[in-house]
Amino acid sequence: MAKTASASSKKPPVVDFEHSLDELEQLVARMEGGELSLDESLTSFERGIGLYRHCQQSLQQAELRVRLLLDPDAPDHAEPFEPEL
């Protein structure tokens, strides 16, 4: 039963990314406010670095998925798409 509960409580990657990004933005706002103690600032900075790394990893995984969709036989040679302006 614990296996099912942990699987159902796991957030989808997009939701997890959005949550991490939102938390990171809130941490930055609190730190920029200048009202945190040194210890709170260091703890927030450490958490922020972890969130940043998590977001970067999520973005890299998303890029790989896009590359695989564009050219599943040669993802390393897939041409990046240009965003519409």
Protein backbone atom coordinates (compact mmCIF):
# COMPACT_ATOMS: atom_id res chain seq x y z
CA MET A 1 0.00 0.00 0.00
CA ALA A 2 2.81 2.44 0.78
CA LYS A 3 4.07 2.02 -2.77
CA THR A 4 0.73 3.16 -4.22
CA ALA A 5 0.48 6.11 -1.83
CA SER A 6 3.96 7.34 -2.72
CA ALA A 7 3.29 6.99 -6.45
CA SER A 8 0.02 8.91 -6.22
CA SER A 9 1.58 11.67 -4.10
CA LYS A 10 4.38 12.28 -6.62
CA LYS A 11 3.77 15.47 -8.58
CA PRO A 12 3.91 15.54 -12.38
CA PRO A 13 7.18 17.10 -13.64
CA VAL A 14 5.52 20.30 -14.88
CA VAL A 15 3.71 20.87 -11.58
CA ASP A 16 6.89 20.11 -9.66
CA PHE A 17 8.86 22.57 -11.81
CA GLU A 18 6.23 25.28 -11.38
CA HIS A 19 6.13 24.73 -7.62
CA SER A 20 9.94 24.87 -7.37
CA LEU A 21 10.12 28.02 -9.48
CA ASP A 22 7.41 29.69 -7.40
CA GLU A 23 9.20 28.80 -4.17
CA LEU A 24 12.48 30.10 -5.59
CA GLU A 25 10.85 33.41 -6.54
CA GLN A 26 9.41 33.75 -3.03
CA LEU A 27 12.81 33.04 -1.47
CA VAL A 28 14.47 35.66 -3.64
CA ALA A 29 11.82 38.24 -2.72
CA ARG A 30 12.29 37.53 0.99
CA MET A 31 16.06 37.75 0.70
CA GLU A 32 15.88 40.99 -1.29
CA GLY A 33 13.64 42.42 1.41
CA GLY A 34 16.65 42.46 3.73
CA GLU A 35 14.70 41.43 6.81
CA LEU A 36 16.26 37.99 7.25
CA SER A 37 18.96 37.25 9.78
CA LEU A 38 22.31 36.00 8.55
CA ASP A 39 21.40 32.42 9.48
CA GLU A 40 18.01 32.70 7.75
CA SER A 41 19.69 34.21 4.69
CA LEU A 42 22.20 31.35 4.49
CA THR A 43 19.47 28.75 4.91
CA SER A 44 17.37 30.48 2.25
CA PHE A 45 20.37 30.71 -0.07
CA GLU A 46 21.09 26.99 0.32
CA ARG A 47 17.46 26.14 -0.38
CA GLY A 48 17.46 28.52 -3.35
CA ILE A 49 20.53 26.84 -4.85
CA GLY A 50 18.81 23.46 -4.53
CA LEU A 51 15.65 24.79 -6.16
CA TYR A 52 17.67 26.44 -8.94
CA ARG A 53 19.49 23.18 -9.68
CA HIS A 54 16.21 21.28 -9.68
CA CYS A 55 14.68 23.77 -12.13
CA GLN A 56 17.75 23.59 -14.40
CA GLN A 57 17.59 19.81 -14.41
CA SER A 58 13.88 19.90 -15.25
CA LEU A 59 14.54 22.29 -18.14
CA GLN A 60 17.35 20.10 -19.46
CA GLN A 61 15.06 17.06 -19.35
CA ALA A 62 12.35 19.00 -21.18
CA GLU A 63 14.86 20.06 -23.85
CA LEU A 64 15.92 16.44 -24.31
CA ARG A 65 12.28 15.39 -24.71
CA VAL A 66 11.79 18.07 -27.37
CA ARG A 67 14.93 16.93 -29.19
CA LEU A 68 13.72 13.34 -29.09
CA LEU A 69 10.37 14.40 -30.50
CA LEU A 70 11.99 16.44 -33.27
CA ASP A 71 14.36 13.68 -34.36
CA PRO A 72 14.04 10.40 -32.43
CA ASP A 73 16.79 8.73 -34.48
CA ALA A 74 19.43 11.41 -33.84
CA PRO A 75 18.51 13.65 -30.90
CA ASP A 76 22.02 15.12 -30.81
CA HIS A 77 21.58 16.40 -34.37
CA ALA A 78 18.04 17.71 -34.00
CA GLU A 79 17.74 21.32 -35.04
CA PRO A 80 16.42 23.61 -32.32
CA PHE A 81 13.14 25.23 -33.25
CA GLU A 82 12.90 28.98 -33.43
CA PRO A 83 10.28 30.59 -31.17
CA GLU A 84 7.54 32.53 -32.89
CA LEU A 85 7.81 36.27 -32.41
